[in-house]
Amino acid sequence: HAQRVTRLYRQCLRHSLSWIIERDKWRREAVCIRARFDANKNITNMTVANQLYEEAMKEFNLYKHPDPYVHPDSPGGVRYERNIPPP
């Protein structure tokens, strides 16, 4: 469960960069995202924890950016495998 929550947290941070491109404004959003995750970090009941995880996934999918930012050198980026240096 902890690994799934960590992955969701990292996805939320990465995905929020698609909405807010200025780092100083993004940092404020990142702190808010962290606070939302920290508010539920001490829950020990796995039923409640799984329910919170499912709700968070639904919210994440609801607010997904329609055209997420992809780094140019990453797979799917506009510069992926362009001008690869010879071996």
PDB file of N, CA and C in Angstrom:
ATOM      1  N   HIS A   1       0.823  -1.195   0.000  1.00  0.00           N
ATOM      2  CA  HIS A   1       0.000   0.000   0.000  1.00  0.00           C
ATOM      3  C   HIS A   1       0.869   1.263   0.000  1.00  0.00           C
ATOM      4  N   ALA A   2       1.931   1.248   0.787  1.00  0.00           N
ATOM      5  CA  ALA A   2       2.797   2.426   0.883  1.00  0.00           C
ATOM      6  C   ALA A   2       3.415   2.763  -0.469  1.00  0.00           C
ATOM      7  N   GLN A   3       3.776   1.741  -1.214  1.00  0.00           N
ATOM      8  CA  GLN A   3       4.377   1.973  -2.527  1.00  0.00           C
ATOM      9  C   GLN A   3       3.359   2.583  -3.498  1.00  0.00           C
ATOM     10  N   ARG A   4       2.123   2.113  -3.445  1.00  0.00           N
ATOM     11  CA  ARG A   4       1.082   2.676  -4.317  1.00  0.00           C
ATOM     12  C   ARG A   4       0.830   4.143  -3.987  1.00  0.00           C
ATOM     13  N   VAL A   5       0.797   4.460  -2.693  1.00  0.00           N
ATOM     14  CA  VAL A   5       0.564   5.841  -2.273  1.00  0.00           C
ATOM     15  C   VAL A   5       1.734   6.728  -2.698  1.00  0.00           C
ATOM     16  N   THR A   6       2.953   6.214  -2.547  1.00  0.00           N
ATOM     17  CA  THR A   6       4.130   6.982  -2.964  1.00  0.00           C
ATOM     18  C   THR A   6       4.104   7.245  -4.457  1.00  0.00           C
ATOM     19  N   ARG A   7       3.741   6.244  -5.233  1.00  0.00           N
ATOM     20  CA  ARG A   7       3.659   6.426  -6.684  1.00  0.00           C
ATOM     21  C   ARG A   7       2.586   7.448  -7.058  1.00  0.00           C
ATOM     22  N   LEU A   8       1.452   7.388  -6.374  1.00  0.00           N
ATOM     23  CA  LEU A   8       0.390   8.358  -6.637  1.00  0.00           C
ATOM     24  C   LEU A   8       0.856   9.767  -6.282  1.00  0.00           C
ATOM     25  N   TYR A   9       1.540   9.909  -5.161  1.00  0.00           N
ATOM     26  CA  TYR A   9       2.056  11.219  -4.750  1.00  0.00           C
ATOM     27  C   TYR A   9       3.012  11.779  -5.800  1.00  0.00           C
ATOM     28  N   ARG A  10       3.926  10.953  -6.271  1.00  0.00           N
ATOM     29  CA  ARG A  10       4.887  11.404  -7.280  1.00  0.00           C
ATOM     30  C   ARG A  10       4.189  11.742  -8.601  1.00  0.00           C
ATOM     31  N   GLN A  11       3.178  10.951  -8.963  1.00  0.00           N
ATOM     32  CA  GLN A  11       2.401  11.257 -10.171  1.00  0.00           C
ATOM     33  C   GLN A  11       1.704  12.607 -10.032  1.00  0.00           C
ATOM     34  N   CYS A  12       1.143  12.854  -8.871  1.00  0.00           N
ATOM     35  CA  CYS A  12       0.456  14.127  -8.642  1.00  0.00           C
ATOM     36  C   CYS A  12       1.426  15.297  -8.778  1.00  0.00           C
ATOM     37  N   LEU A  13       2.623  15.139  -8.207  1.00  0.00           N
ATOM     38  CA  LEU A  13       3.610  16.215  -8.312  1.00  0.00           C
ATOM     39  C   LEU A  13       4.023  16.443  -9.759  1.00  0.00           C
ATOM     40  N   ARG A  14       4.339  15.360 -10.467  1.00  0.00           N
ATOM     41  CA  ARG A  14       4.770  15.497 -11.856  1.00  0.00           C
ATOM     42  C   ARG A  14       3.657  16.079 -12.723  1.00  0.00           C
ATOM     43  N   HIS A  15       2.451  15.612 -12.468  1.00  0.00           N
ATOM     44  CA  HIS A  15       1.331  16.046 -13.292  1.00  0.00           C
ATOM     45  C   HIS A  15       0.943  17.498 -13.014  1.00  0.00           C
ATOM     46  N   SER A  16       1.158  17.952 -11.789  1.00  0.00           N
ATOM     47  CA  SER A  16       0.832  19.345 -11.482  1.00  0.00           C
ATOM     48  C   SER A  16       1.737  20.303 -12.254  1.00  0.00           C
ATOM     49  N   LEU A  17       2.912  19.833 -12.670  1.00  0.00           N
ATOM     50  CA  LEU A  17       3.791  20.668 -13.499  1.00  0.00           C
ATOM     51  C   LEU A  17       3.182  20.930 -14.874  1.00  0.00           C
ATOM     52  N   SER A  18       2.256  20.103 -15.309  1.00  0.00           N
ATOM     53  CA  SER A  18       1.579  20.349 -16.581  1.00  0.00           C
ATOM     54  C   SER A  18       0.611  21.527 -16.471  1.00  0.00           C
ATOM     55  N   TRP A  19       0.084  21.746 -15.279  1.00  0.00           N
ATOM     56  CA  TRP A  19      -0.854  22.843 -15.072  1.00  0.00           C
ATOM     57  C   TRP A  19      -0.139  24.131 -14.685  1.00  0.00           C
ATOM     58  N   ILE A  20       0.909  24.024 -13.882  1.00  0.00           N
ATOM     59  CA  ILE A  20       1.611  25.203 -13.363  1.00  0.00           C
ATOM     60  C   ILE A  20       3.069  25.094 -13.788  1.00  0.00           C
ATOM     61  N   ILE A  21       3.490  25.918 -14.733  1.00  0.00           N
ATOM     62  CA  ILE A  21       4.844  25.768 -15.260  1.00  0.00           C
ATOM     63  C   ILE A  21       5.867  26.641 -14.544  1.00  0.00           C
ATOM     64  N   GLU A  22       5.427  27.663 -13.828  1.00  0.00           N
ATOM     65  CA  GLU A  22       6.361  28.503 -13.084  1.00  0.00           C
ATOM     66  C   GLU A  22       6.691  27.821 -11.764  1.00  0.00           C
ATOM     67  N   ARG A  23       7.976  27.590 -11.510  1.00  0.00           N
ATOM     68  CA  ARG A  23       8.398  26.789 -10.363  1.00  0.00           C
ATOM     69  C   ARG A  23       8.005  27.383  -9.017  1.00  0.00           C
ATOM     70  N   ASP A  24       8.054  28.700  -8.866  1.00  0.00           N
ATOM     71  CA  ASP A  24       7.699  29.276  -7.572  1.00  0.00           C
ATOM     72  C   ASP A  24       6.217  29.067  -7.255  1.00  0.00           C
ATOM     73  N   LYS A  25       5.368  29.176  -8.256  1.00  0.00           N
ATOM     74  CA  LYS A  25       3.938  28.920  -8.049  1.00  0.00           C
ATOM     75  C   LYS A  25       3.678  27.428  -7.900  1.00  0.00           C
ATOM     76  N   TRP A  26       4.420  26.612  -8.642  1.00  0.00           N
ATOM     77  CA  TRP A  26       4.265  25.160  -8.537  1.00  0.00           C
ATOM     78  C   TRP A  26       4.656  24.671  -7.149  1.00  0.00           C
ATOM     79  N   ARG A  27       5.679  25.276  -6.563  1.00  0.00           N
ATOM     80  CA  ARG A  27       6.142  24.843  -5.242  1.00  0.00           C
ATOM     81  C   ARG A  27       5.037  24.990  -4.208  1.00  0.00           C
ATOM     82  N   ARG A  28       4.268  26.082  -4.298  1.00  0.00           N
ATOM     83  CA  ARG A  28       3.146  26.254  -3.367  1.00  0.00           C
ATOM     84  C   ARG A  28       2.127  25.130  -3.540  1.00  0.00           C
ATOM     85  N   GLU A  29       1.853  24.766  -4.778  1.00  0.00           N
ATOM     86  CA  GLU A  29       0.924  23.665  -5.052  1.00  0.00           C
ATOM     87  C   GLU A  29       1.491  22.346  -4.537  1.00  0.00           C
ATOM     88  N   ALA A  30       2.798  22.149  -4.687  1.00  0.00           N
ATOM     89  CA  ALA A  30       3.434  20.920  -4.208  1.00  0.00           C
ATOM     90  C   ALA A  30       3.320  20.805  -2.693  1.00  0.00           C
ATOM     91  N   VAL A  31       3.450  21.913  -1.989  1.00  0.00           N
ATOM     92  CA  VAL A  31       3.302  21.900  -0.530  1.00  0.00           C
ATOM     93  C   VAL A  31       1.867  21.535  -0.153  1.00  0.00           C
ATOM     94  N   CYS A  32       0.893  22.045  -0.890  1.00  0.00           N
ATOM     95  CA  CYS A  32      -0.516  21.705  -0.625  1.00  0.00           C
ATOM     96  C   CYS A  32      -0.787  20.225  -0.883  1.00  0.00           C
ATOM     97  N   ILE A  33      -0.210  19.693  -1.960  1.00  0.00           N
ATOM     98  CA  ILE A  33      -0.370  18.265  -2.266  1.00  0.00           C
ATOM     99  C   ILE A  33       0.234  17.433  -1.149  1.00  0.00           C
ATOM    100  N   ARG A  34       1.428  17.820  -0.684  1.00  0.00           N
ATOM    101  CA  ARG A  34       2.086  17.088   0.392  1.00  0.00           C
ATOM    102  C   ARG A  34       1.249  17.122   1.665  1.00  0.00           C
ATOM    103  N   ALA A  35       0.653  18.268   1.960  1.00  0.00           N
ATOM    104  CA  ALA A  35      -0.175  18.391   3.162  1.00  0.00           C
ATOM    105  C   ALA A  35      -1.387  17.469   3.090  1.00  0.00           C
ATOM    106  N   ARG A  36      -1.975  17.336   1.905  1.00  0.00           N
ATOM    107  CA  ARG A  36      -3.129  16.443   1.761  1.00  0.00           C
ATOM    108  C   ARG A  36      -2.735  14.988   1.986  1.00  0.00           C
ATOM    109  N   PHE A  37      -1.556  14.598   1.516  1.00  0.00           N
ATOM    110  CA  PHE A  37      -1.100  13.231   1.733  1.00  0.00           C
ATOM    111  C   PHE A  37      -0.699  13.020   3.192  1.00  0.00           C
ATOM    112  N   ASP A  38      -0.049  14.006   3.798  1.00  0.00           N
ATOM    113  CA  ASP A  38       0.378  13.874   5.191  1.00  0.00           C
ATOM    114  C   ASP A  38      -0.799  13.827   6.157  1.00  0.00           C
ATOM    115  N   ALA A  39      -1.920  14.402   5.782  1.00  0.00           N
ATOM    116  CA  ALA A  39      -3.090  14.406   6.663  1.00  0.00           C
ATOM    117  C   ALA A  39      -3.591  12.993   6.944  1.00  0.00           C
ATOM    118  N   ASN A  40      -3.324  12.065   6.028  1.00  0.00           N
ATOM    119  CA  ASN A  40      -3.825  10.695   6.184  1.00  0.00           C
ATOM    120  C   ASN A  40      -2.716   9.668   6.368  1.00  0.00           C
ATOM    121  N   LYS A  41      -1.507  10.097   6.696  1.00  0.00           N
ATOM    122  CA  LYS A  41      -0.397   9.146   6.741  1.00  0.00           C
ATOM    123  C   LYS A  41      -0.414   8.236   7.963  1.00  0.00           C
ATOM    124  N   ASN A  42      -1.145   8.584   9.009  1.00  0.00           N
ATOM    125  CA  ASN A  42      -1.149   7.770  10.224  1.00  0.00           C
ATOM    126  C   ASN A  42      -2.345   6.833  10.314  1.00  0.00           C
ATOM    127  N   ILE A  43      -3.053   6.638   9.241  1.00  0.00           N
ATOM    128  CA  ILE A  43      -4.204   5.731   9.248  1.00  0.00           C
ATOM    129  C   ILE A  43      -3.696   4.298   9.182  1.00  0.00           C
ATOM    130  N   THR A  44      -4.106   3.488  10.151  1.00  0.00           N
ATOM    131  CA  THR A  44      -3.633   2.105  10.216  1.00  0.00           C
ATOM    132  C   THR A  44      -4.666   1.107   9.709  1.00  0.00           C
ATOM    133  N   ASN A  45      -5.915   1.499   9.637  1.00  0.00           N
ATOM    134  CA  ASN A  45      -6.971   0.617   9.145  1.00  0.00           C
ATOM    135  C   ASN A  45      -6.846   0.511   7.625  1.00  0.00           C
ATOM    136  N   MET A  46      -6.514  -0.670   7.133  1.00  0.00           N
ATOM    137  CA  MET A  46      -6.260  -0.846   5.703  1.00  0.00           C
ATOM    138  C   MET A  46      -7.514  -0.649   4.855  1.00  0.00           C
ATOM    139  N   THR A  47      -8.671  -0.939   5.394  1.00  0.00           N
ATOM    140  CA  THR A  47      -9.911  -0.727   4.645  1.00  0.00           C
ATOM    141  C   THR A  47     -10.109   0.762   4.369  1.00  0.00           C
ATOM    142  N   VAL A  48      -9.916   1.563   5.393  1.00  0.00           N
ATOM    143  CA  VAL A  48     -10.044   3.014   5.239  1.00  0.00           C
ATOM    144  C   VAL A  48      -8.938   3.540   4.332  1.00  0.00           C
ATOM    145  N   ALA A  49      -7.725   3.027   4.507  1.00  0.00           N
ATOM    146  CA  ALA A  49      -6.591   3.476   3.693  1.00  0.00           C
ATOM    147  C   ALA A  49      -6.819   3.165   2.217  1.00  0.00           C
ATOM    148  N   ASN A  50      -7.315   1.974   1.924  1.00  0.00           N
ATOM    149  CA  ASN A  50      -7.596   1.617   0.529  1.00  0.00           C
ATOM    150  C   ASN A  50      -8.718   2.472  -0.051  1.00  0.00           C
ATOM    151  N   GLN A  51      -9.714   2.771   0.762  1.00  0.00           N
ATOM    152  CA  GLN A  51     -10.810   3.624   0.308  1.00  0.00           C
ATOM    153  C   GLN A  51     -10.295   5.032  -0.008  1.00  0.00           C
ATOM    154  N   LEU A  52      -9.427   5.566   0.848  1.00  0.00           N
ATOM    155  CA  LEU A  52      -8.837   6.884   0.596  1.00  0.00           C
ATOM    156  C   LEU A  52      -7.982   6.866  -0.663  1.00  0.00           C
ATOM    157  N   TYR A  53      -7.263   5.768  -0.865  1.00  0.00           N
ATOM    158  CA  TYR A  53      -6.427   5.647  -2.066  1.00  0.00           C
ATOM    159  C   TYR A  53      -7.296   5.652  -3.324  1.00  0.00           C
ATOM    160  N   GLU A  54      -8.383   4.893  -3.305  1.00  0.00           N
ATOM    161  CA  GLU A  54      -9.273   4.848  -4.471  1.00  0.00           C
ATOM    162  C   GLU A  54      -9.896   6.222  -4.748  1.00  0.00           C
ATOM    163  N   GLU A  55     -10.282   6.931  -3.694  1.00  0.00           N
ATOM    164  CA  GLU A  55     -10.833   8.273  -3.876  1.00  0.00           C
ATOM    165  C   GLU A  55      -9.784   9.217  -4.462  1.00  0.00           C
ATOM    166  N   ALA A  56      -8.546   9.086  -3.990  1.00  0.00           N
ATOM    167  CA  ALA A  56      -7.465   9.936  -4.505  1.00  0.00           C
ATOM    168  C   ALA A  56      -7.189   9.624  -5.972  1.00  0.00           C
ATOM    169  N   MET A  57      -7.247   8.345  -6.348  1.00  0.00           N
ATOM    170  CA  MET A  57      -7.036   7.973  -7.751  1.00  0.00           C
ATOM    171  C   MET A  57      -8.149   8.541  -8.632  1.00  0.00           C
ATOM    172  N   LYS A  58      -9.386   8.491  -8.145  1.00  0.00           N
ATOM    173  CA  LYS A  58     -10.500   9.058  -8.906  1.00  0.00           C
ATOM    174  C   LYS A  58     -10.310  10.559  -9.097  1.00  0.00           C
ATOM    175  N   GLU A  59      -9.890  11.233  -8.033  1.00  0.00           N
ATOM    176  CA  GLU A  59      -9.659  12.675  -8.134  1.00  0.00           C
ATOM    177  C   GLU A  59      -8.506  12.979  -9.087  1.00  0.00           C
ATOM    178  N   PHE A  60      -7.448  12.175  -9.013  1.00  0.00           N
ATOM    179  CA  PHE A  60      -6.306  12.362  -9.918  1.00  0.00           C
ATOM    180  C   PHE A  60      -6.743  12.204 -11.372  1.00  0.00           C
ATOM    181  N   ASN A  61      -7.519  11.169 -11.656  1.00  0.00           N
ATOM    182  CA  ASN A  61      -7.979  10.939 -13.027  1.00  0.00           C
ATOM    183  C   ASN A  61      -8.964  12.014 -13.490  1.00  0.00           C
ATOM    184  N   LEU A  62      -9.721  12.570 -12.559  1.00  0.00           N
ATOM    185  CA  LEU A  62     -10.673  13.621 -12.899  1.00  0.00           C
ATOM    186  C   LEU A  62      -9.963  14.908 -13.323  1.00  0.00           C
ATOM    187  N   TYR A  63      -8.862  15.225 -12.648  1.00  0.00           N
ATOM    188  CA  TYR A  63      -8.158  16.484 -12.906  1.00  0.00           C
ATOM    189  C   TYR A  63      -6.909  16.316 -13.759  1.00  0.00           C
ATOM    190  N   LYS A  64      -6.806  15.218 -14.485  1.00  0.00           N
ATOM    191  CA  LYS A  64      -5.656  15.016 -15.363  1.00  0.00           C
ATOM    192  C   LYS A  64      -5.615  16.078 -16.446  1.00  0.00           C
ATOM    193  N   HIS A  65      -4.425  16.494 -16.788  1.00  0.00           N
ATOM    194  CA  HIS A  65      -4.252  17.476 -17.863  1.00  0.00           C
ATOM    195  C   HIS A  65      -4.486  16.781 -19.200  1.00  0.00           C
ATOM    196  N   PRO A  66      -5.235  17.396 -20.121  1.00  0.00           N
ATOM    197  CA  PRO A  66      -5.510  16.737 -21.401  1.00  0.00           C
ATOM    198  C   PRO A  66      -4.272  16.599 -22.287  1.00  0.00           C
ATOM    199  N   ASP A  67      -3.285  17.458 -22.085  1.00  0.00           N
ATOM    200  CA  ASP A  67      -2.054  17.403 -22.874  1.00  0.00           C
ATOM    201  C   ASP A  67      -0.868  17.553 -21.920  1.00  0.00           C
ATOM    202  N   PRO A  68      -0.507  16.487 -21.191  1.00  0.00           N
ATOM    203  CA  PRO A  68       0.533  16.608 -20.167  1.00  0.00           C
ATOM    204  C   PRO A  68       1.899  16.933 -20.764  1.00  0.00           C
ATOM    205  N   TYR A  69       2.714  17.613 -19.959  1.00  0.00           N
ATOM    206  CA  TYR A  69       4.057  17.979 -20.380  1.00  0.00           C
ATOM    207  C   TYR A  69       4.930  16.732 -20.449  1.00  0.00           C
ATOM    208  N   VAL A  70       5.648  16.589 -21.550  1.00  0.00           N
ATOM    209  CA  VAL A  70       6.606  15.494 -21.714  1.00  0.00           C
ATOM    210  C   VAL A  70       7.942  16.137 -22.049  1.00  0.00           C
ATOM    211  N   HIS A  71       8.972  15.805 -21.283  1.00  0.00           N
ATOM    212  CA  HIS A  71      10.298  16.366 -21.546  1.00  0.00           C
ATOM    213  C   HIS A  71      10.710  15.995 -22.965  1.00  0.00           C
ATOM    214  N   PRO A  72      11.309  16.913 -23.713  1.00  0.00           N
ATOM    215  CA  PRO A  72      11.638  16.653 -25.121  1.00  0.00           C
ATOM    216  C   PRO A  72      12.509  15.422 -25.354  1.00  0.00           C
ATOM    217  N   ASP A  73      13.406  15.104 -24.427  1.00  0.00           N
ATOM    218  CA  ASP A  73      14.294  13.955 -24.611  1.00  0.00           C
ATOM    219  C   ASP A  73      13.691  12.637 -24.127  1.00  0.00           C
ATOM    220  N   SER A  74      12.527  12.687 -23.497  1.00  0.00           N
ATOM    221  CA  SER A  74      11.886  11.478 -22.985  1.00  0.00           C
ATOM    222  C   SER A  74      11.128  10.763 -24.093  1.00  0.00           C
ATOM    223  N   PRO A  75      10.846   9.468 -23.920  1.00  0.00           N
ATOM    224  CA  PRO A  75      10.010   8.784 -24.910  1.00  0.00           C
ATOM    225  C   PRO A  75       8.670   9.506 -25.047  1.00  0.00           C
ATOM    226  N   GLY A  76       8.306   9.793 -26.275  1.00  0.00           N
ATOM    227  CA  GLY A  76       7.098  10.567 -26.529  1.00  0.00           C
ATOM    228  C   GLY A  76       7.381  12.050 -26.696  1.00  0.00           C
ATOM    229  N   GLY A  77       8.599  12.469 -26.378  1.00  0.00           N
ATOM    230  CA  GLY A  77       8.985  13.869 -26.542  1.00  0.00           C
ATOM    231  C   GLY A  77       9.372  14.153 -27.984  1.00  0.00           C
ATOM    232  N   VAL A  78       9.421  15.417 -28.344  1.00  0.00           N
ATOM    233  CA  VAL A  78       9.682  15.786 -29.733  1.00  0.00           C
ATOM    234  C   VAL A  78      11.131  15.553 -30.151  1.00  0.00           C
ATOM    235  N   ARG A  79      12.041  15.414 -29.196  1.00  0.00           N
ATOM    236  CA  ARG A  79      13.450  15.251 -29.528  1.00  0.00           C
ATOM    237  C   ARG A  79      13.983  13.867 -29.160  1.00  0.00           C
ATOM    238  N   TYR A  80      13.101  12.933 -28.861  1.00  0.00           N
ATOM    239  CA  TYR A  80      13.519  11.601 -28.422  1.00  0.00           C
ATOM    240  C   TYR A  80      14.290  10.890 -29.527  1.00  0.00           C
ATOM    241  N   GLU A  81      15.470  10.403 -29.202  1.00  0.00           N
ATOM    242  CA  GLU A  81      16.371   9.664 -30.094  1.00  0.00           C
ATOM    243  C   GLU A  81      16.744  10.458 -31.346  1.00  0.00           C
ATOM    244  N   ARG A  82      16.793  11.752 -31.240  1.00  0.00           N
ATOM    245  CA  ARG A  82      17.248  12.589 -32.343  1.00  0.00           C
ATOM    246  C   ARG A  82      18.723  12.887 -32.148  1.00  0.00           C
ATOM    247  N   ASN A  83      19.474  12.785 -33.198  1.00  0.00           N
ATOM    248  CA  ASN A  83      20.901  13.089 -33.156  1.00  0.00           C
ATOM    249  C   ASN A  83      21.623  12.321 -32.048  1.00  0.00           C
ATOM    250  N   ILE A  84      21.431  11.021 -32.054  1.00  0.00           N
ATOM    251  CA  ILE A  84      22.099  10.179 -31.066  1.00  0.00           C
ATOM    252  C   ILE A  84      23.590  10.160 -31.392  1.00  0.00           C
ATOM    253  N   PRO A  85      24.446  10.409 -30.391  1.00  0.00           N
ATOM    254  CA  PRO A  85      25.878  10.374 -30.684  1.00  0.00           C
ATOM    255  C   PRO A  85      26.315   8.961 -31.067  1.00  0.00           C
ATOM    256  N   PRO A  86      27.257   8.840 -31.996  1.00  0.00           N
ATOM    257  CA  PRO A  86      27.711   7.510 -32.410  1.00  0.00           C
ATOM    258  C   PRO A  86      28.433   6.803 -31.273  1.00  0.00           C
ATOM    259  N   PRO A  87      28.396   5.478 -31.266  1.00  0.00           N
ATOM    260  CA  PRO A  87      29.046   4.725 -30.179  1.00  0.00           C
ATOM    261  C   PRO A  87      30.554   4.808 -30.216  1.00  0.00           C
TER     262      PRO A  87
END
